[in-house]
Amino acid sequence: MLSGMLVWGGAGWLLDRWLETRVFTLVGVLLGLGVAIYLVVIKYGAVEPPAGGAQPTSRTRSGQRSRPRSNGSTQKGRR
């Protein structure tokens, strides 16, 4: 995110110096921030729902985690 703000803010600063204005630096920084946030959302955005729309079965109706369904064994071994 920082690099987008620096690059577009720097381009706005150069444009401000060339046109002798004071607005394009802020516009460039905001544009860089917006594009950076957009790219992060696209890359790491929403998690896809489970196939078939079914809810995960690892929790009970009250939202607490349920016990393993096998013969008392867990991932770390027997209890």
Protein backbone atom coordinates (compact mmCIF):
# COMPACT_ATOMS: atom_id res chain seq x y z
CA MET A 1 0.00 0.00 0.00
CA LEU A 2 2.80 2.35 0.84
CA SER A 3 4.45 1.95 -2.54
CA GLY A 4 1.22 2.79 -4.37
CA MET A 5 0.82 5.94 -2.31
CA LEU A 6 4.45 6.93 -2.91
CA VAL A 7 4.41 6.28 -6.65
CA TRP A 8 1.09 8.02 -7.39
CA GLY A 9 1.78 10.76 -4.86
CA GLY A 10 5.16 11.34 -6.49
CA ALA A 11 3.54 11.50 -9.91
CA GLY A 12 1.04 14.02 -8.53
CA TRP A 13 3.85 16.04 -6.97
CA LEU A 14 5.70 16.16 -10.30
CA LEU A 15 2.50 17.20 -12.04
CA ASP A 16 1.97 19.91 -9.40
CA ARG A 17 5.46 21.27 -9.97
CA TRP A 18 5.00 21.25 -13.73
CA LEU A 19 1.56 22.92 -13.67
CA GLU A 20 2.33 25.09 -10.59
CA THR A 21 -0.70 23.83 -8.63
CA ARG A 22 -1.15 22.18 -5.23
CA VAL A 23 -3.92 19.65 -5.75
CA PHE A 24 -2.46 16.72 -7.68
CA THR A 25 -0.23 15.45 -4.87
CA LEU A 26 -3.25 14.77 -2.66
CA VAL A 27 -5.17 13.28 -5.58
CA GLY A 28 -2.22 11.02 -6.40
CA VAL A 29 -1.85 9.81 -2.81
CA LEU A 30 -5.57 9.05 -2.55
CA LEU A 31 -5.57 7.33 -5.94
CA GLY A 32 -2.58 5.21 -4.94
CA LEU A 33 -4.23 4.24 -1.65
CA GLY A 34 -7.50 3.36 -3.37
CA VAL A 35 -5.81 1.20 -6.00
CA ALA A 36 -3.70 -0.53 -3.36
CA ILE A 37 -6.76 -1.38 -1.24
CA TYR A 38 -8.59 -2.60 -4.35
CA LEU A 39 -5.70 -4.92 -5.25
CA VAL A 40 -5.52 -6.33 -1.71
CA VAL A 41 -9.27 -7.03 -1.73
CA ILE A 42 -9.02 -8.71 -5.14
CA LYS A 43 -6.08 -10.89 -4.09
CA TYR A 44 -7.08 -11.79 -0.52
CA GLY A 45 -10.78 -10.86 -0.56
CA ALA A 46 -13.84 -12.91 0.24
CA VAL A 47 -13.64 -16.58 1.11
CA GLU A 48 -15.69 -18.82 -1.14
CA PRO A 49 -18.65 -20.53 0.59
CA PRO A 50 -18.56 -24.32 1.03
CA ALA A 51 -19.75 -26.39 -1.93
CA GLY A 52 -23.51 -26.91 -2.06
CA GLY A 53 -24.20 -24.14 0.46
CA ALA A 54 -23.89 -26.58 3.38
CA GLN A 55 -22.70 -25.36 6.74
CA PRO A 56 -19.51 -26.86 8.21
CA THR A 57 -20.33 -29.73 10.59
CA SER A 58 -17.56 -29.09 13.11
CA ARG A 59 -19.81 -26.93 15.31
CA THR A 60 -23.00 -27.65 17.24
CA ARG A 61 -26.22 -25.64 17.02
CA SER A 62 -25.10 -23.34 19.82
CA GLY A 63 -21.87 -22.53 17.96
CA GLN A 64 -19.56 -24.53 20.23
CA ARG A 65 -17.13 -26.99 18.74
CA SER A 66 -18.30 -30.58 18.69
CA ARG A 67 -16.29 -33.59 19.83
CA PRO A 68 -14.57 -35.84 17.29
CA ARG A 69 -16.91 -38.52 15.92
CA SER A 70 -14.36 -41.34 15.84
CA ASN A 71 -13.63 -43.83 18.64
CA GLY A 72 -12.18 -41.31 21.06
CA SER A 73 -9.11 -40.59 19.00
CA THR A 74 -8.16 -37.07 18.03
CA GLN A 75 -5.52 -35.67 15.72
CA LYS A 76 -2.97 -35.94 18.51
CA GLY A 77 -3.87 -39.49 19.46
CA ARG A 78 -6.16 -41.18 21.96
CA ARG A 79 -7.59 -39.34 24.93
